[in-house]
Amino acid sequence: MKLLRLKITDPKGFRSLQEGFEVRFLREWNINETAEFNPYILAGPNGSGKSNVLEVLAAIFYHMESMYLNYRPLSFEYDEIENTKGFQSKYAFPNGFEIEYYISAPATLNISGSQEFAHIKIVKVNDTAPTIIWVNRYIFDVDADQILNSHEAKEVLPAFILGYSSGENEILSLPFFKMRFIHYDEYKDFLNRQIPYSSLPEGRLTFLNSEFNQAIVLSNLLLQEKDLLKPFKDEVGVEDIKTFRIIIKKYIDLEKMQITEDPENTIHFQKNITEISEDDFGEIHYRLNITKNLETIIQKLISCSTCSYYDSEAEEHYLDYWVNEETKKAFAHHFDSPIKLFQAFQILLTLNLFTVNEKLKKELYQSESLYVNETVPILPSDKRIFRFKDLWIQKDGVSENILSKSLSDGEHQFLHSLGLCLLYKNEECLYLLDEPETHFNPDWRAKFISRIRDCFKDKDSKTTLREMLITTHTPFLISDSKKEYVLIFNKLASQTVEVTRPDYNTLGASINKINIKSFGKSETIGGYAEMQLNKIIVRFEAGENKQELIDEVNNLLGDSVEKVLFINRVINSMEGK
């Protein structure tokens, strides 16, 4: 997809974005660049509203996705008696918006076979369900209606909406976590009804936080094309995986209150799929084979393993992998592509949500600001249904193999952010990346945009419309972008958020100029050093010995524009200029 325009029409606004806030992305004079990959760089001071744009896009597409889900949990669905705050299409947060974008025309709806891009416009008026308009549909089907029905609407939403935050931006992650719980409830419902599960969650929102880090690294290093993994080796020094272990717990313990005989009740687990036993003391115990509907995936993982065994006492599968070319061929045979392997890991990791009760899930589904990390319990490692263990990697320049967990924060972040781009490189995705380079060294920051572009180098001529928004405080990202794709945010005295494009050529601009023009910082030295220099300037203006002040500032401060300007000022005064 390619974003064209976003406008907030909700009288309450959204976070710091006021009613009437509007940002235009791809503009008319850049339409010829639609098929190109040009990430938007959102820059500005802290609190200027740039992250709120990512948050509102996540919230909008979560609402659109929720409208068309085939499966919706009871604790999520509106009921005028049982769940009065449940989901309704006519209420959203924000409650009023307009969004326009281009997307490849779905083959099933492209009667004429046109190669043009579909122009989609979604309009939501307060307390009214959104209307989805295919603006140029006449090009593809002259007789079709521009207003799309529910089946058609699903076809013109982005293939995936991917969120990533290097920090604790839980407002961005909230819609994604809601969808993650829907994924879990969807699986649980299939299990309850004893219906085969496809292993691919229906919802398209995926938030790639640290929990998915090893899944991303493994999926890429096991199945990705070697030339695309070059940045992993060149920058992080990761040569390959050597060994790793997967542990899958088969059963979960149940309380009696969690069991029901009602086959229509999806809140509890059905009695007829619950295993019941009595211990030596006459106490009844209940348990459930939580992985029963994923046995096909588990068997594939077992088939790829070097060795495996089932611990009947702990009731856990232990799968060990000694990685060589044959191991990779086995994964390629069973999972076909990196994204297919990742999606298998994704649904298995989702099972770790099994301890969250219905009350908490209902609160989460209905919340506009709930902090997930403060409310959703994190299971200790040995209680999780699925976990990775002892992922050893071969690192360039290191004689011994190292555990992946011993990599630095910056190395994890590099593998994580570029890894998700590689996984979804052939999908028409919307990437929402909140400060993905915060732990990078200056060299990696300078190369980041180039490395992302490398991820999307297609071997064939297939056009994949990808859209990426990156919030940042890093001037290097601006210097690697044309000004048309740089959005500068500023909060005005009226507390309204203003978005402008730079009035200078950003591509290749110096870091100093970008700091001055885009971040309002003219100083090239740190605050403490500036304070020391200012003290010397005061002494100069008070008439102290000029040569001694020059000597002192030379000894005290390193080379900088500020020091040179001060010394020139002193010398000029000594020469009577």
Protein backbone atom coordinates (compact mmCIF):
# COMPACT_ATOMS: atom_id res chain seq x y z
CA MET A 1 0.00 0.00 0.00
CA LYS A 2 0.97 3.66 -0.34
CA LEU A 3 -0.53 6.27 1.96
CA LEU A 4 -1.97 9.41 0.37
CA ARG A 5 -3.71 11.29 3.18
CA LEU A 6 -4.75 11.03 6.82
CA LYS A 7 -7.16 13.37 8.58
CA ILE A 8 -8.61 13.34 12.09
CA THR A 9 -12.24 14.51 12.15
CA ASP A 10 -13.12 13.37 15.68
CA PRO A 11 -14.01 16.51 17.74
CA LYS A 12 -11.96 15.00 20.58
CA GLY A 13 -8.94 14.49 18.34
CA PHE A 14 -6.57 11.60 18.98
CA ARG A 15 -3.94 11.83 21.73
CA SER A 16 -2.12 15.09 20.96
CA LEU A 17 -3.50 15.29 17.40
CA GLN A 18 -6.28 17.84 17.25
CA GLU A 19 -9.53 17.71 15.27
CA GLY A 20 -8.69 18.72 11.72
CA PHE A 21 -5.13 17.43 11.92
CA GLU A 22 -4.15 16.36 8.42
CA VAL A 23 -1.01 15.01 6.83
CA ARG A 24 -0.55 14.36 3.15
CA PHE A 25 1.90 11.65 2.22
CA LEU A 26 2.34 10.87 -1.49
CA ARG A 27 1.37 14.05 -3.33
CA GLU A 28 0.21 14.58 -6.91
CA TRP A 29 3.61 15.68 -8.21
CA ASN A 30 5.23 12.53 -6.78
CA ILE A 31 2.67 10.05 -8.15
CA ASN A 32 5.27 8.70 -10.58
CA GLU A 33 7.19 7.44 -7.51
CA THR A 34 4.28 5.30 -6.25
CA ALA A 35 6.02 2.01 -7.03
CA GLU A 36 9.29 3.11 -5.40
CA PHE A 37 10.18 2.34 -1.81
CA ASN A 38 10.68 5.62 0.06
CA PRO A 39 10.11 5.42 3.82
CA TYR A 40 8.61 8.48 5.52
CA ILE A 41 10.83 9.92 8.24
CA LEU A 42 8.84 11.56 11.04
CA ALA A 43 11.09 13.85 13.05
CA GLY A 44 10.66 16.51 15.69
CA PRO A 45 11.09 17.19 19.42
CA ASN A 46 9.83 14.82 22.10
CA GLY A 47 6.10 15.24 22.57
CA SER A 48 5.58 16.85 19.17
CA GLY A 49 3.04 14.21 18.06
CA LYS A 50 5.04 12.14 15.58
CA SER A 51 4.48 8.82 17.38
CA ASN A 52 0.76 9.64 17.58
CA VAL A 53 0.58 9.32 13.78
CA LEU A 54 1.82 5.73 14.01
CA GLU A 55 -0.61 5.11 16.87
CA VAL A 56 -3.64 6.47 15.02
CA LEU A 57 -2.83 4.40 11.91
CA ALA A 58 -2.58 1.28 14.07
CA ALA A 59 -5.88 2.14 15.75
CA ILE A 60 -7.65 2.81 12.43
CA PHE A 61 -6.55 -0.41 10.75
CA TYR A 62 -7.28 -2.39 13.92
CA HIS A 63 -10.84 -1.07 13.75
CA MET A 64 -11.13 -1.85 10.04
CA GLU A 65 -9.71 -5.34 10.53
CA SER A 66 -12.03 -6.01 13.48
CA MET A 67 -15.07 -5.11 11.40
CA TYR A 68 -14.43 -7.95 8.95
CA LEU A 69 -13.08 -10.74 11.16
CA ASN A 70 -14.81 -14.07 10.62
CA TYR A 71 -14.19 -14.92 14.27
CA ARG A 72 -14.75 -12.50 17.17
CA PRO A 73 -14.58 -13.59 20.84
CA LEU A 74 -17.64 -13.17 23.05
CA SER A 75 -15.67 -10.92 25.40
CA PHE A 76 -14.86 -8.75 22.37
CA GLU A 77 -18.26 -8.71 20.65
CA TYR A 78 -20.94 -6.17 21.59
CA ASP A 79 -24.02 -7.47 23.35
CA GLU A 80 -26.74 -5.12 24.57
CA ILE A 81 -27.05 -7.07 27.83
CA GLU A 82 -23.85 -9.04 28.46
CA ASN A 83 -21.21 -6.75 26.92
CA THR A 84 -22.46 -3.20 26.41
CA LYS A 85 -18.91 -1.87 25.83
CA GLY A 86 -18.02 -4.50 23.27
CA PHE A 87 -16.89 -3.78 19.72
CA GLN A 88 -19.26 -1.95 17.40
CA SER A 89 -18.35 -0.79 13.92
CA LYS A 90 -19.90 2.63 14.48
CA TYR A 91 -17.65 3.48 17.44
CA ALA A 92 -13.88 3.80 17.10
CA PHE A 93 -10.91 5.62 18.55
CA PRO A 94 -10.58 8.05 16.88
CA ASN A 95 -14.31 8.19 16.22
CA GLY A 96 -13.94 10.24 13.06
CA PHE A 97 -11.24 9.99 10.39
CA GLU A 98 -10.47 9.98 6.71
CA ILE A 99 -7.68 7.96 5.14
CA GLU A 100 -6.69 7.43 1.51
CA TYR A 101 -4.14 5.08 0.00
CA TYR A 102 -3.14 3.16 -3.10
CA ILE A 103 -3.04 -0.62 -3.13
CA SER A 104 -2.69 -3.25 -5.84
CA ALA A 105 -6.13 -4.08 -7.25
CA PRO A 106 -7.29 -7.54 -6.05
CA ALA A 107 -7.23 -9.98 -8.97
CA THR A 108 -10.74 -11.20 -8.15
CA LEU A 109 -12.14 -7.67 -8.50
CA ASN A 110 -9.99 -6.52 -11.43
CA ILE A 111 -12.29 -7.45 -14.30
CA SER A 112 -10.49 -5.33 -16.90
CA GLY A 113 -7.02 -6.59 -15.93
CA SER A 114 -5.77 -3.02 -15.50
CA GLN A 115 -2.24 -2.52 -14.12
CA GLU A 116 -3.27 0.69 -12.35
CA PHE A 117 -3.31 0.93 -8.55
CA ALA A 118 -6.61 0.96 -6.69
CA HIS A 119 -7.32 4.29 -4.97
CA ILE A 120 -9.08 3.52 -1.67
CA LYS A 121 -10.73 6.11 0.57
CA ILE A 122 -12.13 5.28 4.02
CA VAL A 123 -14.38 7.82 5.72
CA LYS A 124 -15.69 7.48 9.23
CA VAL A 125 -18.11 10.03 10.63
CA ASN A 126 -18.68 10.16 14.39
CA ASP A 127 -20.89 7.29 15.66
CA THR A 128 -21.26 5.88 12.15
CA ALA A 129 -19.63 2.79 10.63
CA PRO A 130 -16.82 3.60 8.17
CA THR A 131 -17.56 3.77 4.47
CA ILE A 132 -14.96 2.28 2.13
CA ILE A 133 -14.86 3.86 -1.30
CA TRP A 134 -12.91 2.53 -4.28
CA VAL A 135 -12.42 5.92 -5.93
CA ASN A 136 -11.18 4.73 -9.35
CA ARG A 137 -13.00 1.40 -9.51
CA TYR A 138 -14.46 2.25 -12.93
CA ILE A 139 -10.99 1.53 -14.37
CA PHE A 140 -11.17 -2.07 -13.15
CA ASP A 141 -14.89 -2.80 -13.46
CA VAL A 142 -17.05 -0.24 -15.18
CA ASP A 143 -20.29 -1.65 -13.76
CA ALA A 144 -19.20 -2.12 -10.12
CA ASP A 145 -20.23 0.08 -7.20
CA GLN A 146 -17.59 2.37 -5.67
CA ILE A 147 -18.95 1.69 -2.17
CA LEU A 148 -17.52 -1.67 -1.12
CA ASN A 149 -19.36 -4.42 0.70
CA SER A 150 -17.74 -6.33 3.56
CA HIS A 151 -16.28 -9.08 1.37
CA GLU A 152 -14.78 -6.57 -1.07
CA ALA A 153 -13.50 -4.32 1.74
CA LYS A 154 -11.36 -7.11 3.19
CA GLU A 155 -9.65 -7.42 -0.19
CA VAL A 156 -8.39 -3.84 -0.25
CA LEU A 157 -6.91 -3.61 3.25
CA PRO A 158 -3.11 -3.92 3.63
CA ALA A 159 -1.83 -7.49 3.67
CA PHE A 160 -0.21 -6.88 7.06
CA ILE A 161 0.16 -4.00 9.50
CA LEU A 162 3.46 -4.43 11.32
CA GLY A 163 4.36 -2.52 14.47
CA TYR A 164 7.73 -2.19 16.15
CA SER A 165 8.91 0.01 19.00
CA SER A 166 12.39 0.09 20.49
CA GLY A 167 10.99 1.48 23.74
CA GLU A 168 7.85 1.08 25.82
CA ASN A 169 5.37 2.70 23.44
CA GLU A 170 2.41 0.73 24.74
CA ILE A 171 -0.11 3.04 23.10
CA LEU A 172 1.25 1.91 19.73
CA SER A 173 1.30 -1.73 20.81
CA LEU A 174 -2.21 -1.79 22.30
CA PRO A 175 -4.18 -2.48 19.06
CA PHE A 176 -1.67 -5.18 18.17
CA PHE A 177 -1.99 -6.87 21.56
CA LYS A 178 -5.76 -6.80 21.23
CA MET A 179 -5.39 -8.64 17.94
CA ARG A 180 -2.93 -11.07 19.53
CA PHE A 181 -5.58 -12.02 22.11
CA ILE A 182 -8.13 -12.42 19.30
CA HIS A 183 -5.64 -14.79 17.64
CA TYR A 184 -5.45 -16.82 20.85
CA ASP A 185 -9.23 -16.89 21.34
CA GLU A 186 -9.65 -17.89 17.70
CA TYR A 187 -7.32 -20.85 18.21
CA LYS A 188 -9.03 -21.78 21.48
CA ASP A 189 -12.43 -21.71 19.81
CA PHE A 190 -11.23 -24.04 17.04
CA LEU A 191 -9.79 -26.33 19.70
CA ASN A 192 -13.05 -26.31 21.68
CA ARG A 193 -15.07 -27.18 18.62
CA GLN A 194 -12.47 -29.73 17.51
CA ILE A 195 -12.16 -28.04 14.12
CA PRO A 196 -8.82 -28.25 12.23
CA TYR A 197 -6.81 -25.04 12.53
CA SER A 198 -5.08 -23.50 9.53
CA SER A 199 -2.09 -22.34 11.66
CA LEU A 200 -2.39 -18.84 10.20
CA PRO A 201 -4.20 -16.27 12.40
CA GLU A 202 -6.92 -14.38 10.59
CA GLY A 203 -6.01 -10.90 11.86
CA ARG A 204 -3.32 -9.01 9.97
CA LEU A 205 -1.91 -6.84 12.78
CA THR A 206 1.40 -8.10 14.17
CA PHE A 207 3.52 -6.35 16.80
CA LEU A 208 7.09 -7.60 16.75
CA ASN A 209 8.41 -7.05 20.25
CA SER A 210 11.27 -8.78 22.09
CA GLU A 211 9.16 -11.92 22.60
CA PHE A 212 9.44 -12.57 18.87
CA ASN A 213 13.15 -11.75 18.58
CA GLN A 214 14.45 -15.31 18.38
CA ALA A 215 11.60 -16.34 16.05
CA ILE A 216 12.60 -13.54 13.65
CA VAL A 217 16.30 -14.41 13.77
CA LEU A 218 15.73 -18.15 13.31
CA SER A 219 13.22 -17.77 10.47
CA ASN A 220 15.63 -15.58 8.54
CA LEU A 221 18.89 -17.44 9.21
CA LEU A 222 17.30 -20.82 8.46
CA LEU A 223 15.41 -19.94 5.27
CA GLN A 224 16.37 -16.53 3.92
CA GLU A 225 18.46 -16.09 0.78
CA LYS A 226 22.13 -15.70 1.70
CA ASP A 227 22.70 -12.47 -0.20
CA LEU A 228 19.86 -10.80 1.72
CA LEU A 229 21.51 -11.76 5.02
CA LYS A 230 24.71 -9.89 4.15
CA PRO A 231 23.93 -6.99 6.56
CA PHE A 232 23.61 -9.49 9.42
CA LYS A 233 27.20 -10.57 8.75
CA ASP A 234 28.71 -7.23 7.74
CA GLU A 235 27.30 -5.19 10.61
CA VAL A 236 26.54 -7.59 13.48
CA GLY A 237 29.03 -10.27 12.47
CA VAL A 238 26.41 -13.04 12.62
CA GLU A 239 27.68 -15.83 10.37
CA ASP A 240 25.11 -18.54 11.06
CA ILE A 241 23.14 -20.48 13.65
CA LYS A 242 24.96 -23.42 15.17
CA THR A 243 22.47 -25.05 17.54
CA PHE A 244 19.18 -24.30 19.28
CA ARG A 245 16.46 -26.04 21.23
CA ILE A 246 12.66 -25.73 21.11
CA ILE A 247 10.56 -26.82 24.08
CA ILE A 248 6.80 -27.35 23.67
CA LYS A 249 4.61 -28.04 26.68
CA LYS A 250 1.70 -30.25 25.71
CA TYR A 251 -0.76 -29.82 28.59
CA ILE A 252 -2.11 -27.03 30.77
CA ASP A 253 -3.78 -27.57 34.14
CA LEU A 254 -7.41 -26.44 34.47
CA GLU A 255 -9.62 -25.49 37.38
CA LYS A 256 -13.07 -27.04 37.46
CA MET A 257 -14.65 -23.63 36.84
CA GLN A 258 -12.83 -23.49 33.49
CA ILE A 259 -14.71 -26.52 32.19
CA THR A 260 -18.12 -26.53 30.55
CA GLU A 261 -20.34 -29.09 28.85
CA ASP A 262 -21.88 -26.43 26.62
CA PRO A 263 -20.34 -26.80 23.13
CA GLU A 264 -21.40 -23.24 22.26
CA ASN A 265 -19.56 -21.69 25.20
CA THR A 266 -16.20 -20.37 23.98
CA ILE A 267 -15.20 -18.76 27.27
CA HIS A 268 -14.38 -22.10 28.94
CA PHE A 269 -12.82 -25.27 27.61
CA GLN A 270 -15.25 -28.04 26.77
CA LYS A 271 -15.58 -30.98 29.09
CA ASN A 272 -15.27 -33.51 26.29
CA ILE A 273 -11.74 -32.35 25.40
CA THR A 274 -10.60 -32.17 29.02
CA GLU A 275 -8.61 -35.03 30.50
CA ILE A 276 -9.61 -35.96 34.06
CA SER A 277 -7.56 -37.98 36.54
CA GLU A 278 -7.57 -38.81 40.24
CA ASP A 279 -4.42 -38.78 42.36
CA ASP A 280 -3.51 -41.09 45.26
CA PHE A 281 -5.33 -38.80 47.69
CA GLY A 282 -8.60 -38.89 45.78
CA GLU A 283 -8.24 -35.37 44.43
CA ILE A 284 -9.56 -34.78 40.90
CA HIS A 285 -7.22 -33.06 38.42
CA TYR A 286 -8.11 -31.57 35.06
CA ARG A 287 -5.84 -30.88 32.14
CA LEU A 288 -6.07 -30.00 28.46
CA ASN A 289 -3.86 -30.80 25.48
CA ILE A 290 -3.49 -27.16 24.44
CA THR A 291 -1.38 -28.02 21.37
CA LYS A 292 -3.78 -30.63 19.97
CA ASN A 293 -4.80 -28.47 17.00
CA LEU A 294 -1.19 -27.71 16.13
CA GLU A 295 0.11 -31.26 15.93
CA THR A 296 0.82 -30.87 12.21
CA ILE A 297 3.14 -27.93 12.88
CA ILE A 298 4.78 -29.73 15.79
CA GLN A 299 5.38 -32.81 13.65
CA LYS A 300 7.01 -30.62 11.00
CA LEU A 301 9.32 -29.11 13.62
CA ILE A 302 10.14 -32.61 14.89
CA SER A 303 10.92 -33.75 11.33
CA CYS A 304 13.40 -30.88 10.97
CA SER A 305 15.15 -31.59 14.26
CA THR A 306 18.47 -33.38 14.64
CA CYS A 307 17.07 -35.27 17.61
CA SER A 308 13.92 -35.05 19.71
CA TYR A 309 12.30 -36.71 22.66
CA TYR A 310 9.12 -36.45 24.67
CA ASP A 311 9.49 -36.14 28.44
CA SER A 312 6.42 -38.00 29.69
CA GLU A 313 6.90 -36.78 33.25
CA ALA A 314 7.15 -33.08 32.35
CA GLU A 315 4.85 -33.66 29.33
CA GLU A 316 7.07 -31.61 27.08
CA HIS A 317 8.59 -32.03 23.64
CA TYR A 318 12.32 -31.30 23.46
CA LEU A 319 13.56 -30.61 19.93
CA ASP A 320 17.29 -30.10 19.36
CA TYR A 321 18.81 -28.73 16.17
CA TRP A 322 22.40 -28.96 15.01
CA VAL A 323 22.20 -26.61 12.05
CA ASN A 324 23.82 -27.50 8.74
CA GLU A 325 22.72 -27.37 5.11
CA GLU A 326 20.60 -30.50 5.51
CA THR A 327 18.77 -28.90 8.45
CA LYS A 328 17.99 -25.88 6.32
CA LYS A 329 16.78 -28.07 3.46
CA ALA A 330 14.43 -29.82 5.89
CA PHE A 331 12.96 -26.50 7.05
CA ALA A 332 12.62 -25.35 3.42
CA HIS A 333 10.76 -28.58 2.59
CA HIS A 334 8.31 -28.32 5.50
CA PHE A 335 7.79 -24.54 5.72
CA ASP A 336 8.54 -23.31 2.19
CA SER A 337 9.52 -19.73 3.15
CA PRO A 338 10.83 -17.63 6.07
CA ILE A 339 7.43 -16.02 6.65
CA LYS A 340 5.67 -19.41 6.80
CA LEU A 341 8.10 -20.59 9.48
CA PHE A 342 7.69 -17.35 11.40
CA GLN A 343 3.89 -17.64 11.30
CA ALA A 344 4.18 -21.15 12.74
CA PHE A 345 6.32 -19.78 15.57
CA GLN A 346 3.87 -16.89 15.96
CA ILE A 347 0.84 -19.02 16.72
CA LEU A 348 2.83 -21.28 19.07
CA LEU A 349 4.09 -18.23 20.97
CA THR A 350 0.52 -16.94 21.17
CA LEU A 351 -0.41 -19.99 23.27
CA ASN A 352 1.64 -18.45 26.10
CA LEU A 353 -1.35 -16.17 26.71
CA PHE A 354 -3.38 -19.06 28.13
CA THR A 355 -3.25 -17.78 31.73
CA VAL A 356 -4.99 -14.47 30.97
CA ASN A 357 -8.55 -14.56 32.31
CA GLU A 358 -11.68 -13.38 30.51
CA LYS A 359 -12.11 -10.33 32.74
CA LEU A 360 -8.68 -9.00 31.83
CA LYS A 361 -9.21 -9.75 28.15
CA LYS A 362 -12.49 -7.87 28.17
CA GLU A 363 -10.77 -4.87 29.79
CA LEU A 364 -8.05 -5.03 27.16
CA TYR A 365 -10.48 -5.24 24.23
CA GLN A 366 -12.42 -2.21 25.51
CA SER A 367 -9.45 -0.06 26.52
CA GLU A 368 -8.07 2.95 24.69
CA SER A 369 -5.00 3.36 26.92
CA LEU A 370 -4.31 0.18 28.91
CA TYR A 371 -0.64 -0.51 29.55
CA VAL A 372 -0.26 -4.15 28.60
CA ASN A 373 3.04 -4.81 30.39
CA GLU A 374 1.48 -3.70 33.67
CA THR A 375 -1.61 -5.88 33.34
CA VAL A 376 -0.80 -9.01 31.31
CA PRO A 377 1.18 -11.51 33.40
CA ILE A 378 4.49 -12.71 31.97
CA LEU A 379 4.97 -16.43 32.52
CA PRO A 380 8.26 -17.79 33.88
CA SER A 381 10.15 -19.68 31.22
CA ASP A 382 9.31 -23.17 32.47
CA LYS A 383 5.56 -22.45 32.50
CA ARG A 384 5.34 -21.35 28.86
CA ILE A 385 3.72 -23.53 26.24
CA PHE A 386 6.39 -22.69 23.67
CA ARG A 387 9.88 -21.37 24.14
CA PHE A 388 13.30 -21.23 22.52
CA LYS A 389 16.37 -22.20 24.50
CA ASP A 390 20.12 -22.08 23.98
CA LEU A 391 20.27 -20.40 20.59
CA TRP A 392 23.99 -20.51 19.79
CA ILE A 393 25.32 -18.45 16.89
CA GLN A 394 28.61 -18.22 15.06
CA LYS A 395 29.95 -14.66 15.19
CA ASP A 396 32.68 -13.25 13.02
CA GLY A 397 35.89 -12.57 14.96
CA VAL A 398 34.81 -14.67 17.95
CA SER A 399 36.55 -18.02 18.36
CA GLU A 400 33.75 -19.65 20.36
CA ASN A 401 30.05 -19.77 19.50
CA ILE A 402 27.96 -17.39 21.61
CA LEU A 403 24.40 -17.37 22.90
CA SER A 404 22.11 -15.00 21.01
CA LYS A 405 21.03 -13.47 24.32
CA SER A 406 24.59 -12.22 24.84
CA LEU A 407 24.30 -9.85 21.88
CA SER A 408 24.06 -6.16 22.75
CA ASP A 409 20.81 -4.18 22.71
CA GLY A 410 21.91 -2.53 19.48
CA GLU A 411 22.71 -5.86 17.83
CA HIS A 412 19.34 -7.29 18.85
CA GLN A 413 17.61 -4.18 17.54
CA PHE A 414 19.46 -4.37 14.22
CA LEU A 415 18.60 -8.05 13.69
CA HIS A 416 15.01 -7.44 14.81
CA SER A 417 14.17 -4.38 12.70
CA LEU A 418 15.85 -5.57 9.50
CA GLY A 419 14.66 -9.12 10.13
CA LEU A 420 11.00 -8.15 10.05
CA CYS A 421 11.58 -6.29 6.76
CA LEU A 422 13.10 -9.43 5.28
CA LEU A 423 10.28 -11.66 6.51
CA TYR A 424 7.53 -9.55 4.94
CA LYS A 425 9.48 -8.23 1.95
CA ASN A 426 7.07 -9.65 -0.64
CA GLU A 427 3.87 -8.47 1.08
CA GLU A 428 2.00 -5.19 0.66
CA CYS A 429 2.55 -4.11 4.24
CA LEU A 430 2.28 -0.99 6.32
CA TYR A 431 5.33 -0.80 8.59
CA LEU A 432 5.00 1.40 11.69
CA LEU A 433 8.48 1.69 13.25
CA ASP A 434 8.80 3.81 16.38
CA GLU A 435 12.44 4.89 16.85
CA PRO A 436 13.88 1.58 15.62
CA GLU A 437 17.50 2.81 15.72
CA THR A 438 17.82 4.15 19.29
CA HIS A 439 20.50 1.63 20.33
CA PHE A 440 22.54 1.91 17.12
CA ASN A 441 26.04 3.33 16.95
CA PRO A 442 26.51 6.36 14.62
CA ASP A 443 27.77 4.16 11.78
CA TRP A 444 24.68 1.92 11.88
CA ARG A 445 22.41 4.97 12.07
CA ALA A 446 24.08 6.39 8.98
CA LYS A 447 23.54 3.11 7.09
CA PHE A 448 20.07 2.24 8.40
CA ILE A 449 18.00 3.50 5.46
CA SER A 450 20.38 1.87 2.98
CA ARG A 451 20.16 -1.42 4.84
CA ILE A 452 16.34 -1.31 4.84
CA ARG A 453 16.39 -0.64 1.10
CA ASP A 454 18.64 -3.67 0.65
CA CYS A 455 15.95 -5.84 2.28
CA PHE A 456 13.49 -4.96 -0.48
CA LYS A 457 15.66 -5.61 -3.49
CA ASP A 458 13.50 -7.88 -5.62
CA LYS A 459 15.09 -10.32 -8.01
CA ASP A 460 12.14 -10.07 -10.37
CA SER A 461 10.19 -7.11 -11.68
CA LYS A 462 7.21 -7.70 -9.43
CA THR A 463 5.91 -4.48 -7.92
CA THR A 464 5.17 -4.70 -4.22
CA LEU A 465 3.65 -1.57 -2.71
CA ARG A 466 5.26 -1.20 0.71
CA GLU A 467 4.71 1.71 3.05
CA MET A 468 6.94 2.50 5.99
CA LEU A 469 6.78 5.25 8.61
CA ILE A 470 9.77 5.74 10.92
CA THR A 471 9.81 8.13 13.87
CA THR A 472 13.28 9.30 14.81
CA HIS A 473 15.53 11.87 16.45
CA THR A 474 18.45 10.79 14.24
CA PRO A 475 19.63 13.34 11.64
CA PHE A 476 21.26 10.56 9.58
CA LEU A 477 17.84 9.20 8.59
CA ILE A 478 16.82 12.63 7.32
CA SER A 479 20.09 12.98 5.42
CA ASP A 480 19.33 9.73 3.60
CA SER A 481 15.85 10.86 2.50
CA LYS A 482 14.45 13.28 -0.05
CA LYS A 483 12.58 16.18 1.53
CA GLU A 484 9.29 14.93 0.05
CA TYR A 485 9.53 11.98 2.44
CA VAL A 486 10.52 13.91 5.57
CA LEU A 487 7.76 15.15 7.90
CA ILE A 488 8.79 17.62 10.60
CA PHE A 489 6.50 17.79 13.64
CA ASN A 490 6.14 20.74 15.95
CA LYS A 491 3.72 21.49 18.78
CA LEU A 492 2.60 25.11 18.61
CA ALA A 493 1.84 27.42 21.53
CA SER A 494 -1.84 26.65 20.94
CA GLN A 495 -0.98 22.97 21.69
CA THR A 496 -1.93 21.99 18.15
CA VAL A 497 0.40 19.76 16.14
CA GLU A 498 1.84 21.15 12.93
CA VAL A 499 3.47 19.06 10.20
CA THR A 500 5.70 20.59 7.55
CA ARG A 501 8.22 19.42 5.02
CA PRO A 502 11.77 20.81 5.11
CA ASP A 503 12.46 23.95 3.10
CA TYR A 504 15.89 22.66 2.07
CA ASN A 505 17.31 19.68 0.22
CA THR A 506 17.62 17.02 2.91
CA LEU A 507 19.20 14.25 0.82
CA GLY A 508 22.91 14.41 1.59
CA ALA A 509 22.56 17.43 3.89
CA SER A 510 25.11 17.68 6.71
CA ILE A 511 24.13 16.55 10.18
CA ASN A 512 24.84 20.05 11.52
CA LYS A 513 22.47 21.67 9.03
CA ILE A 514 19.74 19.12 9.77
CA ASN A 515 20.13 19.74 13.52
CA ILE A 516 19.73 23.48 12.96
CA LYS A 517 16.92 23.38 10.40
CA SER A 518 14.87 20.39 11.57
CA PHE A 519 15.57 20.12 15.29
CA GLY A 520 16.27 23.77 16.15
CA LYS A 521 19.67 22.98 17.65
CA SER A 522 22.49 25.21 16.42
CA GLU A 523 25.05 24.05 18.98
CA THR A 524 27.50 21.36 17.94
CA ILE A 525 28.79 20.63 21.46
CA GLY A 526 27.20 19.13 24.55
CA GLY A 527 25.33 21.15 27.17
CA TYR A 528 28.00 20.90 29.89
CA ALA A 529 30.81 21.91 27.48
CA GLU A 530 28.67 24.82 26.27
CA MET A 531 28.19 25.95 29.87
CA GLN A 532 31.97 25.93 30.49
CA LEU A 533 32.56 27.92 27.30
CA ASN A 534 29.90 30.46 28.29
CA LYS A 535 31.65 31.02 31.62
CA ILE A 536 34.88 31.82 29.77
CA ILE A 537 32.98 34.18 27.43
CA VAL A 538 31.64 36.06 30.47
CA ARG A 539 35.18 36.41 31.81
CA PHE A 540 36.35 37.67 28.42
CA GLU A 541 33.63 40.28 28.35
CA ALA A 542 34.63 41.28 31.89
CA GLY A 543 38.15 42.13 30.65
CA GLU A 544 40.29 39.19 31.75
CA ASN A 545 43.64 38.52 30.03
CA LYS A 546 42.84 37.49 26.47
CA GLN A 547 45.85 35.30 25.76
CA GLU A 548 45.32 33.39 29.01
CA LEU A 549 41.69 32.82 28.07
CA ILE A 550 42.73 31.49 24.63
CA ASP A 551 45.20 29.11 26.27
CA GLU A 552 42.59 28.01 28.81
CA VAL A 553 39.89 27.29 26.25
CA ASN A 554 42.37 25.37 24.07
CA ASN A 555 43.31 23.16 27.01
CA LEU A 556 39.74 22.74 28.26
CA LEU A 557 37.75 22.03 25.06
CA GLY A 558 38.22 19.88 22.00
CA ASP A 559 37.85 21.14 18.46
CA SER A 560 34.45 22.61 17.64
CA VAL A 561 32.83 25.39 15.68
CA GLU A 562 31.96 27.14 18.96
CA LYS A 563 35.56 27.15 20.18
CA VAL A 564 36.90 28.46 16.86
CA LEU A 565 34.34 31.28 16.82
CA PHE A 566 35.27 32.32 20.36
CA ILE A 567 39.02 32.31 19.68
CA ASN A 568 38.51 34.33 16.48
CA ARG A 569 36.44 36.81 18.44
CA VAL A 570 39.22 37.19 21.03
CA ILE A 571 41.94 37.53 18.38
CA ASN A 572 39.92 40.13 16.49
CA SER A 573 39.53 42.15 19.68
CA MET A 574 43.29 41.95 20.28
CA GLU A 575 43.89 43.33 16.79
CA GLY A 576 41.40 46.09 17.37
CA LYS A 577 38.91 44.86 14.83
